């Protein structure tokens, strides 16, 4: 089951997801100087209340430095997967486990 962060009912988890989204939106221009992710369509989803997924679409290319920069913005262990979307663009997916601290 996938929900948008706004549909999450747990107030602590919603606050955590909102903070994460804000960190990405504010910090992305600094870690993405070539604007490969900035301005691209982005989707945020919560999957089964266990993971938070951030998907950037229509990305022309991605560098390891940009992936590492986004991971730093996320600020916790996460995973990144890059897959072809079309012959010219990529899907860049970050998956963040939502384990309780």
Protein backbone atom coordinates (compact mmCIF):
# COMPACT_ATOMS: atom_id res chain seq x y z
CA UNK A 1 0.00 0.00 0.00
CA UNK A 2 1.41 3.39 -0.96
CA UNK A 3 0.33 6.73 0.51
CA UNK A 4 1.45 10.28 0.11
CA UNK A 5 3.14 11.64 3.24
CA UNK A 6 0.07 13.84 3.83
CA UNK A 7 -2.09 10.71 4.21
CA UNK A 8 0.05 9.38 7.09
CA UNK A 9 -1.96 9.55 10.32
CA UNK A 10 0.85 9.16 12.86
CA UNK A 11 1.78 12.78 13.73
CA UNK A 12 5.41 11.95 14.60
CA UNK A 13 5.93 10.09 11.34
CA UNK A 14 4.17 12.84 9.34
CA UNK A 15 6.42 15.47 10.96
CA UNK A 16 9.50 13.36 10.15
CA UNK A 17 8.43 12.95 6.50
CA UNK A 18 7.63 16.65 6.17
CA UNK A 19 11.05 17.55 7.56
CA UNK A 20 12.71 15.17 5.11
CA UNK A 21 10.79 16.64 2.16
CA UNK A 22 11.73 20.18 3.21
CA UNK A 23 15.40 19.20 3.57
CA UNK A 24 15.39 17.78 0.04
CA UNK A 25 13.58 20.76 -1.49
CA UNK A 26 15.80 23.36 0.19
CA UNK A 27 19.13 21.52 -0.06
CA UNK A 28 18.83 19.95 -3.51
CA UNK A 29 20.11 22.97 -5.50
CA UNK A 30 23.34 22.91 -3.48
CA UNK A 31 24.06 19.19 -3.98
CA UNK A 32 22.86 19.19 -7.61
CA UNK A 33 24.91 21.95 -9.27
CA UNK A 34 24.27 20.59 -12.78
CA UNK A 35 20.49 20.66 -12.18
CA UNK A 36 20.00 17.02 -13.07
CA UNK A 37 17.41 16.53 -10.30
CA UNK A 38 16.33 20.10 -9.59
CA UNK A 39 13.11 20.90 -11.41
CA UNK A 40 12.42 17.29 -12.42
CA UNK A 41 9.09 15.68 -11.57
CA UNK A 42 9.37 14.15 -8.10
CA UNK A 43 7.03 11.81 -6.25
CA UNK A 44 7.01 11.08 -2.53
CA UNK A 45 5.34 7.87 -1.30
CA UNK A 46 5.07 5.93 1.92
CA UNK A 47 4.94 2.19 1.28
CA UNK A 48 3.22 0.00 3.89
CA UNK A 49 4.25 2.45 6.60
CA UNK A 50 7.74 0.93 6.45
CA UNK A 51 9.59 2.85 3.75
CA UNK A 52 9.62 6.33 2.29
CA UNK A 53 10.27 6.50 -1.43
CA UNK A 54 11.44 9.56 -3.34
CA UNK A 55 11.36 9.15 -7.13
CA UNK A 56 12.80 11.67 -9.57
CA UNK A 57 11.59 11.21 -13.16
CA UNK A 58 12.92 12.41 -16.49
CA UNK A 59 16.50 12.69 -15.20
CA UNK A 60 18.96 13.10 -18.11
CA UNK A 61 21.92 11.60 -16.18
CA UNK A 62 23.17 11.28 -12.63
CA UNK A 63 26.59 11.37 -11.03
CA UNK A 64 27.72 9.51 -7.92
CA UNK A 65 28.46 12.87 -6.27
CA UNK A 66 24.82 13.93 -6.74
CA UNK A 67 23.53 10.62 -5.34
CA UNK A 68 25.82 10.99 -2.31
CA UNK A 69 24.67 14.60 -1.86
CA UNK A 70 21.01 13.55 -1.75
CA UNK A 71 21.87 10.79 0.71
CA UNK A 72 23.56 13.39 2.94
CA UNK A 73 20.41 15.53 2.78
CA UNK A 74 18.29 12.55 3.78
CA UNK A 75 20.61 12.15 6.75
CA UNK A 76 20.13 8.45 7.44
CA UNK A 77 20.77 5.12 5.81
CA UNK A 78 18.96 4.89 2.49
CA UNK A 79 19.24 3.15 -0.83
CA UNK A 80 19.36 4.51 -4.36
CA UNK A 81 18.36 2.77 -7.56
CA UNK A 82 18.79 4.23 -11.03
CA UNK A 83 16.82 2.68 -13.89
CA UNK A 84 16.07 3.68 -17.48
CA UNK A 85 12.77 5.49 -17.96
CA UNK A 86 13.14 6.08 -21.70
CA UNK A 87 16.09 5.83 -24.08
CA UNK A 88 17.14 9.34 -22.96
CA UNK A 89 16.01 9.60 -19.34
CA UNK A 90 16.36 7.82 -16.00
CA UNK A 91 14.28 7.17 -12.90
CA UNK A 92 16.27 7.88 -9.75
CA UNK A 93 14.68 6.28 -6.69
CA UNK A 94 15.75 6.79 -3.08
CA UNK A 95 14.25 4.39 -0.51
CA UNK A 96 14.44 5.32 3.16
CA UNK A 97 13.56 2.71 5.81
CA UNK A 98 11.15 4.13 8.41
CA UNK A 99 12.35 2.19 11.42
CA UNK A 100 11.55 3.59 14.81
CA UNK A 101 14.49 5.17 16.61
